[in-house]
N, C-alpha and C. Protein backbone atom coordinates (compact mmCIF):
# COMPACT_ATOMS: atom_id res chain seq x y z
N MET A 1 -21.10 -13.79 -9.81
CA MET A 1 -20.00 -13.21 -10.61
C MET A 1 -19.90 -11.74 -10.28
N GLY A 2 -18.71 -11.27 -10.02
CA GLY A 2 -18.43 -9.90 -9.75
C GLY A 2 -18.30 -9.03 -11.00
N PHE A 3 -18.49 -7.76 -10.82
CA PHE A 3 -18.42 -6.78 -11.93
C PHE A 3 -17.36 -5.75 -11.60
N PHE A 4 -16.47 -5.54 -12.57
CA PHE A 4 -15.41 -4.56 -12.41
C PHE A 4 -15.97 -3.17 -12.41
N LEU A 5 -15.42 -2.30 -11.53
CA LEU A 5 -15.84 -0.92 -11.47
C LEU A 5 -14.68 -0.03 -11.86
N ASP A 6 -13.48 -0.23 -11.28
CA ASP A 6 -12.37 0.66 -11.57
C ASP A 6 -11.06 0.02 -11.09
N MET A 7 -9.96 0.45 -11.68
CA MET A 7 -8.63 -0.03 -11.30
C MET A 7 -7.68 1.14 -11.44
N ARG A 8 -6.80 1.30 -10.44
CA ARG A 8 -5.77 2.39 -10.47
C ARG A 8 -4.48 1.82 -9.93
N SER A 9 -3.39 2.45 -10.34
CA SER A 9 -2.09 2.05 -9.93
C SER A 9 -1.27 3.32 -9.66
N SER A 10 -0.45 3.20 -8.64
CA SER A 10 0.52 4.24 -8.29
C SER A 10 1.89 3.62 -8.28
N THR A 11 2.74 4.05 -9.14
CA THR A 11 4.13 3.55 -9.17
C THR A 11 5.09 4.64 -8.88
N ASN A 12 5.75 4.49 -7.72
CA ASN A 12 6.75 5.49 -7.33
C ASN A 12 8.14 5.20 -7.95
N SER A 13 8.46 3.97 -8.07
CA SER A 13 9.65 3.57 -8.78
C SER A 13 9.39 2.15 -9.28
N SER A 14 9.87 1.84 -10.46
CA SER A 14 9.52 0.57 -11.10
C SER A 14 10.66 -0.48 -11.09
N LYS A 15 11.80 -0.13 -10.58
CA LYS A 15 12.93 -1.08 -10.61
C LYS A 15 13.72 -1.05 -9.26
N THR A 16 14.31 -2.15 -8.95
CA THR A 16 15.15 -2.23 -7.77
C THR A 16 16.35 -1.32 -7.91
N GLY A 17 16.62 -0.59 -6.92
CA GLY A 17 17.77 0.33 -6.96
C GLY A 17 17.44 1.70 -7.48
N GLU A 18 16.19 1.92 -7.94
CA GLU A 18 15.76 3.20 -8.44
C GLU A 18 14.76 3.88 -7.51
N GLY A 19 14.79 3.39 -6.27
CA GLY A 19 13.88 3.89 -5.31
C GLY A 19 14.25 5.31 -4.82
N PRO A 20 13.46 5.82 -3.94
CA PRO A 20 13.73 7.23 -3.53
C PRO A 20 14.87 7.33 -2.56
N ASP A 21 15.42 6.21 -2.06
CA ASP A 21 16.55 6.18 -1.12
C ASP A 21 16.25 7.06 0.13
N ILE A 22 15.06 6.78 0.65
CA ILE A 22 14.60 7.46 1.91
C ILE A 22 14.62 6.47 3.06
N GLN A 23 15.27 6.87 4.17
CA GLN A 23 15.29 6.04 5.33
C GLN A 23 13.89 5.98 6.00
N LEU A 24 13.56 4.79 6.54
CA LEU A 24 12.30 4.66 7.24
C LEU A 24 12.46 5.31 8.60
N GLY A 25 11.33 5.58 9.23
CA GLY A 25 11.28 6.16 10.51
C GLY A 25 10.05 5.76 11.23
N PRO A 26 9.78 6.19 12.41
CA PRO A 26 8.63 5.74 13.16
C PRO A 26 7.35 6.36 12.70
N VAL A 27 7.46 7.49 11.95
CA VAL A 27 6.21 8.13 11.43
C VAL A 27 5.95 7.56 10.02
N PRO A 28 4.75 7.05 9.75
CA PRO A 28 4.45 6.48 8.46
C PRO A 28 4.56 7.50 7.34
N GLU A 29 5.24 7.04 6.23
CA GLU A 29 5.42 7.87 5.09
C GLU A 29 4.68 7.24 3.89
N ARG A 30 3.96 8.10 3.13
CA ARG A 30 3.22 7.61 1.99
C ARG A 30 4.09 7.21 0.86
N PHE A 31 3.86 6.09 0.26
CA PHE A 31 4.55 5.69 -0.96
C PHE A 31 3.66 5.38 -2.18
N GLY A 32 2.34 5.56 -1.92
CA GLY A 32 1.39 5.40 -3.05
C GLY A 32 0.05 5.95 -2.67
N MET A 33 -0.68 6.44 -3.70
CA MET A 33 -2.03 6.98 -3.48
C MET A 33 -2.82 6.75 -4.79
N ILE A 34 -4.07 6.26 -4.61
CA ILE A 34 -4.95 6.02 -5.73
C ILE A 34 -6.37 6.51 -5.33
N THR A 35 -7.17 6.87 -6.34
CA THR A 35 -8.57 7.15 -6.14
C THR A 35 -9.36 6.13 -6.98
N LEU A 36 -10.21 5.37 -6.30
CA LEU A 36 -11.06 4.35 -6.99
C LEU A 36 -12.48 4.88 -7.06
N ARG A 37 -13.03 4.77 -8.29
CA ARG A 37 -14.44 5.14 -8.53
C ARG A 37 -15.29 3.97 -8.25
N THR A 38 -16.31 4.12 -7.36
CA THR A 38 -17.25 3.03 -7.03
C THR A 38 -18.64 3.45 -7.42
N PHE A 39 -18.87 4.63 -7.89
CA PHE A 39 -20.13 5.01 -8.56
C PHE A 39 -21.40 4.75 -7.69
N LEU A 40 -21.24 5.02 -6.36
CA LEU A 40 -22.33 4.85 -5.41
C LEU A 40 -22.91 3.41 -5.38
N VAL A 41 -22.10 2.42 -5.72
CA VAL A 41 -22.55 1.05 -5.64
C VAL A 41 -22.50 0.63 -4.23
N PRO A 42 -23.49 0.06 -3.70
CA PRO A 42 -23.50 -0.35 -2.26
C PRO A 42 -22.54 -1.56 -2.03
N ASN A 43 -21.80 -1.55 -0.95
CA ASN A 43 -20.91 -2.63 -0.54
C ASN A 43 -19.92 -3.01 -1.61
N PRO A 44 -19.14 -2.03 -2.15
CA PRO A 44 -18.15 -2.44 -3.13
C PRO A 44 -17.06 -3.18 -2.44
N ILE A 45 -16.44 -4.08 -3.23
CA ILE A 45 -15.21 -4.85 -2.79
C ILE A 45 -14.00 -4.21 -3.36
N VAL A 46 -13.08 -3.81 -2.52
CA VAL A 46 -11.85 -3.15 -3.00
C VAL A 46 -10.66 -4.07 -2.62
N SER A 47 -9.90 -4.51 -3.66
CA SER A 47 -8.71 -5.34 -3.38
C SER A 47 -7.46 -4.53 -3.77
N PHE A 48 -6.45 -4.77 -2.94
CA PHE A 48 -5.19 -4.06 -3.14
C PHE A 48 -4.07 -5.02 -3.31
N SER A 49 -3.07 -4.62 -4.04
CA SER A 49 -1.76 -5.34 -4.11
C SER A 49 -0.62 -4.32 -4.22
N GLY A 50 0.53 -4.77 -3.92
CA GLY A 50 1.60 -3.82 -4.06
C GLY A 50 2.92 -4.51 -3.62
N SER A 51 3.99 -3.71 -3.81
CA SER A 51 5.30 -4.14 -3.37
C SER A 51 6.15 -2.94 -3.09
N ILE A 52 7.13 -3.13 -2.19
CA ILE A 52 8.02 -2.11 -1.83
C ILE A 52 9.41 -2.78 -1.57
N GLY A 53 10.45 -2.20 -2.22
CA GLY A 53 11.77 -2.71 -2.04
C GLY A 53 12.51 -1.99 -0.92
N LEU A 54 13.09 -2.81 -0.02
CA LEU A 54 13.81 -2.28 1.16
C LEU A 54 15.20 -2.88 1.21
N ILE A 55 16.11 -2.08 1.76
CA ILE A 55 17.46 -2.56 2.01
C ILE A 55 17.85 -2.11 3.46
N GLY A 56 18.40 -3.02 4.16
CA GLY A 56 18.72 -2.69 5.55
C GLY A 56 19.58 -3.74 6.22
N GLU A 57 19.34 -3.93 7.49
CA GLU A 57 20.13 -4.91 8.24
C GLU A 57 19.16 -6.04 8.73
N LEU A 58 19.78 -7.18 8.85
CA LEU A 58 19.06 -8.39 9.31
C LEU A 58 18.29 -8.06 10.62
N GLY A 59 17.02 -8.34 10.60
CA GLY A 59 16.19 -8.09 11.82
C GLY A 59 15.50 -6.73 11.88
N ASP A 60 15.79 -5.88 10.88
CA ASP A 60 15.13 -4.60 10.83
C ASP A 60 13.61 -4.83 10.66
N THR A 61 12.84 -4.08 11.37
CA THR A 61 11.34 -4.19 11.33
C THR A 61 10.73 -3.09 10.56
N TYR A 62 9.58 -3.36 9.97
CA TYR A 62 8.85 -2.35 9.20
C TYR A 62 7.36 -2.69 9.24
N ALA A 63 6.53 -1.71 8.91
CA ALA A 63 5.08 -1.98 8.82
C ALA A 63 4.53 -1.29 7.55
N VAL A 64 3.70 -1.98 6.86
CA VAL A 64 3.04 -1.43 5.63
C VAL A 64 1.56 -1.28 6.06
N GLU A 65 0.99 -0.09 5.77
CA GLU A 65 -0.42 0.19 6.09
C GLU A 65 -1.09 0.78 4.91
N ILE A 66 -2.39 0.41 4.75
CA ILE A 66 -3.25 1.02 3.75
C ILE A 66 -4.32 1.82 4.50
N VAL A 67 -4.50 3.04 4.13
CA VAL A 67 -5.36 3.96 4.81
C VAL A 67 -6.43 4.46 3.81
N ARG A 68 -7.70 4.53 4.29
CA ARG A 68 -8.74 5.17 3.50
C ARG A 68 -8.59 6.67 3.68
N GLY A 69 -8.22 7.37 2.65
CA GLY A 69 -8.01 8.80 2.67
C GLY A 69 -6.66 9.17 2.11
N ALA A 70 -6.44 10.48 1.99
CA ALA A 70 -5.12 11.01 1.48
C ALA A 70 -4.12 11.24 2.61
N ASP A 71 -4.57 11.42 3.80
CA ASP A 71 -3.72 11.68 4.92
C ASP A 71 -3.70 10.50 5.91
N TYR A 72 -2.57 10.28 6.60
CA TYR A 72 -2.48 9.24 7.52
C TYR A 72 -3.35 9.50 8.75
N ASP A 73 -4.21 8.54 9.07
CA ASP A 73 -5.08 8.64 10.21
C ASP A 73 -5.26 7.23 10.75
N PRO A 74 -4.70 6.95 11.95
CA PRO A 74 -4.75 5.50 12.49
C PRO A 74 -6.20 4.94 12.52
N SER A 75 -7.18 5.81 12.70
CA SER A 75 -8.59 5.32 12.74
C SER A 75 -9.12 4.92 11.30
N LYS A 76 -8.35 5.21 10.27
CA LYS A 76 -8.78 4.89 8.91
C LYS A 76 -7.95 3.81 8.26
N VAL A 77 -7.13 3.11 9.08
CA VAL A 77 -6.32 2.03 8.54
C VAL A 77 -7.21 0.85 8.22
N VAL A 78 -7.12 0.36 6.95
CA VAL A 78 -7.88 -0.81 6.58
C VAL A 78 -7.01 -2.09 6.44
N TYR A 79 -5.70 -1.90 6.47
CA TYR A 79 -4.78 -3.03 6.45
C TYR A 79 -3.44 -2.65 7.11
N ARG A 80 -2.89 -3.54 7.87
CA ARG A 80 -1.59 -3.34 8.44
C ARG A 80 -0.87 -4.67 8.47
N ALA A 81 0.40 -4.71 7.99
CA ALA A 81 1.24 -5.90 8.06
C ALA A 81 2.58 -5.46 8.55
N GLU A 82 3.13 -6.25 9.46
CA GLU A 82 4.50 -5.99 9.99
C GLU A 82 5.45 -7.06 9.47
N GLY A 83 6.68 -6.68 9.22
CA GLY A 83 7.64 -7.64 8.68
C GLY A 83 8.99 -7.38 9.22
N VAL A 84 9.92 -8.30 8.96
CA VAL A 84 11.30 -8.24 9.38
C VAL A 84 12.19 -8.55 8.20
N LEU A 85 13.23 -7.73 8.00
CA LEU A 85 14.16 -8.03 6.94
C LEU A 85 15.02 -9.29 7.30
N GLY A 86 15.27 -10.11 6.27
CA GLY A 86 15.99 -11.37 6.51
C GLY A 86 17.43 -11.36 6.03
N VAL A 87 17.90 -10.24 5.47
CA VAL A 87 19.27 -10.17 4.90
C VAL A 87 19.83 -8.83 5.20
N THR A 88 21.10 -8.74 5.37
CA THR A 88 21.80 -7.43 5.56
C THR A 88 22.38 -7.00 4.25
N GLY A 89 22.11 -5.77 3.84
CA GLY A 89 22.74 -5.17 2.66
C GLY A 89 22.24 -5.63 1.30
N SER A 90 21.17 -6.34 1.26
CA SER A 90 20.58 -6.77 -0.04
C SER A 90 19.18 -6.36 -0.15
N ASN A 91 18.76 -5.93 -1.33
CA ASN A 91 17.39 -5.48 -1.55
C ASN A 91 16.43 -6.63 -1.33
N GLU A 92 15.35 -6.36 -0.63
CA GLU A 92 14.30 -7.34 -0.38
C GLU A 92 12.97 -6.68 -0.86
N THR A 93 12.24 -7.33 -1.79
CA THR A 93 10.96 -6.79 -2.24
C THR A 93 9.86 -7.40 -1.36
N GLN A 94 9.19 -6.59 -0.67
CA GLN A 94 8.05 -7.03 0.23
C GLN A 94 6.79 -6.79 -0.51
N ALA A 95 5.99 -7.89 -0.72
CA ALA A 95 4.69 -7.75 -1.46
C ALA A 95 3.60 -7.88 -0.47
N PHE A 96 2.46 -7.34 -0.84
CA PHE A 96 1.26 -7.37 0.05
C PHE A 96 0.04 -7.49 -0.77
N ASN A 97 -1.01 -8.08 -0.23
CA ASN A 97 -2.36 -8.14 -0.75
C ASN A 97 -3.35 -7.94 0.35
N ALA A 98 -4.35 -7.17 0.05
CA ALA A 98 -5.38 -6.81 1.11
C ALA A 98 -6.68 -6.50 0.45
N GLN A 99 -7.77 -6.31 1.30
CA GLN A 99 -9.06 -5.98 0.86
C GLN A 99 -9.73 -4.95 1.86
N ASP A 100 -10.53 -4.05 1.31
CA ASP A 100 -11.38 -3.31 2.15
C ASP A 100 -12.81 -3.76 1.92
N LEU A 101 -13.30 -4.63 2.84
CA LEU A 101 -14.60 -5.19 2.70
C LEU A 101 -15.64 -4.30 3.26
N SER A 102 -15.27 -3.14 3.82
CA SER A 102 -16.19 -2.20 4.39
C SER A 102 -16.04 -0.85 3.69
N ALA A 103 -15.76 -0.93 2.39
CA ALA A 103 -15.60 0.34 1.61
C ALA A 103 -16.86 1.11 1.63
N PRO A 104 -16.73 2.42 1.73
CA PRO A 104 -17.89 3.32 1.83
C PRO A 104 -18.78 3.37 0.54
N TRP A 105 -19.97 3.73 0.83
CA TRP A 105 -20.95 3.97 -0.27
C TRP A 105 -20.56 5.36 -0.78
N ALA A 106 -19.88 5.50 -1.92
CA ALA A 106 -19.36 6.77 -2.37
C ALA A 106 -19.18 6.74 -3.91
N ILE A 107 -19.09 8.01 -4.45
CA ILE A 107 -18.76 8.01 -5.89
C ILE A 107 -17.36 7.57 -6.11
N GLN A 108 -16.47 7.98 -5.22
CA GLN A 108 -15.02 7.57 -5.32
C GLN A 108 -14.45 7.60 -3.90
N THR A 109 -13.38 6.88 -3.74
CA THR A 109 -12.66 6.85 -2.47
C THR A 109 -11.16 6.86 -2.69
N VAL A 110 -10.48 7.67 -1.93
CA VAL A 110 -8.99 7.72 -1.94
C VAL A 110 -8.41 6.70 -1.01
N TYR A 111 -7.40 6.03 -1.45
CA TYR A 111 -6.59 5.10 -0.58
C TYR A 111 -5.17 5.46 -0.69
N SER A 112 -4.46 5.35 0.41
CA SER A 112 -3.02 5.64 0.45
C SER A 112 -2.25 4.46 1.11
N SER A 113 -1.03 4.21 0.64
CA SER A 113 -0.22 3.18 1.24
C SER A 113 0.95 3.88 1.95
N TYR A 114 1.25 3.37 3.16
CA TYR A 114 2.30 3.95 3.98
C TYR A 114 3.26 2.90 4.51
N ILE A 115 4.47 3.33 4.81
CA ILE A 115 5.52 2.42 5.35
C ILE A 115 6.16 3.22 6.53
N SER A 116 6.52 2.45 7.54
CA SER A 116 7.28 3.01 8.66
C SER A 116 8.20 1.83 9.12
N GLY A 117 9.25 2.21 9.93
CA GLY A 117 10.20 1.21 10.45
C GLY A 117 11.36 1.74 11.04
N VAL A 118 12.36 1.00 11.21
CA VAL A 118 13.64 1.45 11.84
C VAL A 118 14.51 2.17 10.81
N SER A 119 15.30 3.16 11.31
CA SER A 119 16.00 4.09 10.41
C SER A 119 17.17 3.41 9.67
N THR A 120 17.58 2.24 10.03
CA THR A 120 18.65 1.58 9.24
C THR A 120 18.13 0.96 7.95
N THR A 121 16.80 1.05 7.76
CA THR A 121 16.19 0.51 6.49
C THR A 121 15.92 1.68 5.56
N VAL A 122 16.20 1.41 4.26
CA VAL A 122 16.08 2.43 3.22
C VAL A 122 15.09 1.90 2.16
N ARG A 123 14.20 2.80 1.72
CA ARG A 123 13.35 2.41 0.54
C ARG A 123 14.18 2.50 -0.69
N ASN A 124 14.33 1.30 -1.42
CA ASN A 124 15.23 1.18 -2.49
C ASN A 124 14.54 0.83 -3.83
N GLY A 125 13.24 0.70 -3.84
CA GLY A 125 12.49 0.35 -5.03
C GLY A 125 12.47 -1.16 -5.32
N PRO A 126 11.54 -1.57 -5.99
CA PRO A 126 10.36 -0.85 -6.62
C PRO A 126 9.33 -0.46 -5.56
N GLU A 127 8.46 0.50 -5.87
CA GLU A 127 7.31 0.90 -5.05
C GLU A 127 6.11 0.99 -5.91
N VAL A 128 5.17 0.07 -5.68
CA VAL A 128 3.97 -0.01 -6.52
C VAL A 128 2.77 -0.27 -5.58
N PHE A 129 1.66 0.35 -5.81
CA PHE A 129 0.43 0.27 -5.07
C PHE A 129 -0.79 0.27 -6.09
N THR A 130 -1.53 -0.82 -6.11
CA THR A 130 -2.58 -1.02 -7.05
C THR A 130 -3.92 -1.36 -6.31
N GLY A 131 -5.02 -0.83 -6.82
CA GLY A 131 -6.33 -1.17 -6.23
C GLY A 131 -7.36 -1.46 -7.31
N ILE A 132 -8.22 -2.35 -7.04
CA ILE A 132 -9.31 -2.76 -7.95
C ILE A 132 -10.67 -2.72 -7.22
N ALA A 133 -11.62 -2.01 -7.73
CA ALA A 133 -12.94 -1.90 -7.12
C ALA A 133 -13.88 -2.81 -7.95
N SER A 134 -14.73 -3.58 -7.26
CA SER A 134 -15.68 -4.42 -7.99
C SER A 134 -16.93 -4.50 -7.08
N THR A 135 -17.99 -5.08 -7.68
CA THR A 135 -19.21 -5.34 -6.94
C THR A 135 -19.65 -6.76 -7.15
N PRO A 136 -20.20 -7.36 -6.15
CA PRO A 136 -20.59 -8.79 -6.28
C PRO A 136 -21.91 -8.93 -7.15
N PHE A 137 -22.59 -7.79 -7.48
CA PHE A 137 -23.79 -7.87 -8.25
C PHE A 137 -23.90 -6.55 -9.04
N LEU A 138 -24.80 -6.50 -9.97
CA LEU A 138 -25.11 -5.33 -10.73
C LEU A 138 -26.53 -5.21 -11.01
């Protein structure tokens, strides 16, 4: 049985159409950041979930990444998923679930969520990033 350590959420926008209306680009842009306390527990399990609303053209590509740290560093990516929009001109909410099974032994760890893609795609909301830290033993 696992034991709960901490849970945090970052909500940039909570409704479709209330997004930041920022075009995607090739450089990853942060849309969420959380700090999870793991209290120096060895081998914590960190689970993530989130969603991001996008509007663009059929076939537009994007990538969602979760990075350990506050700044984007390709060597600190713990999750990456690529997707393709299936509709032109209609908001699509893209959901993701991930884990960091190699989370560091630390008092707390910062995680950030990023998105990149083609410039015809716009972040339209909602944008939510949530993390839960637990331990398999106590």
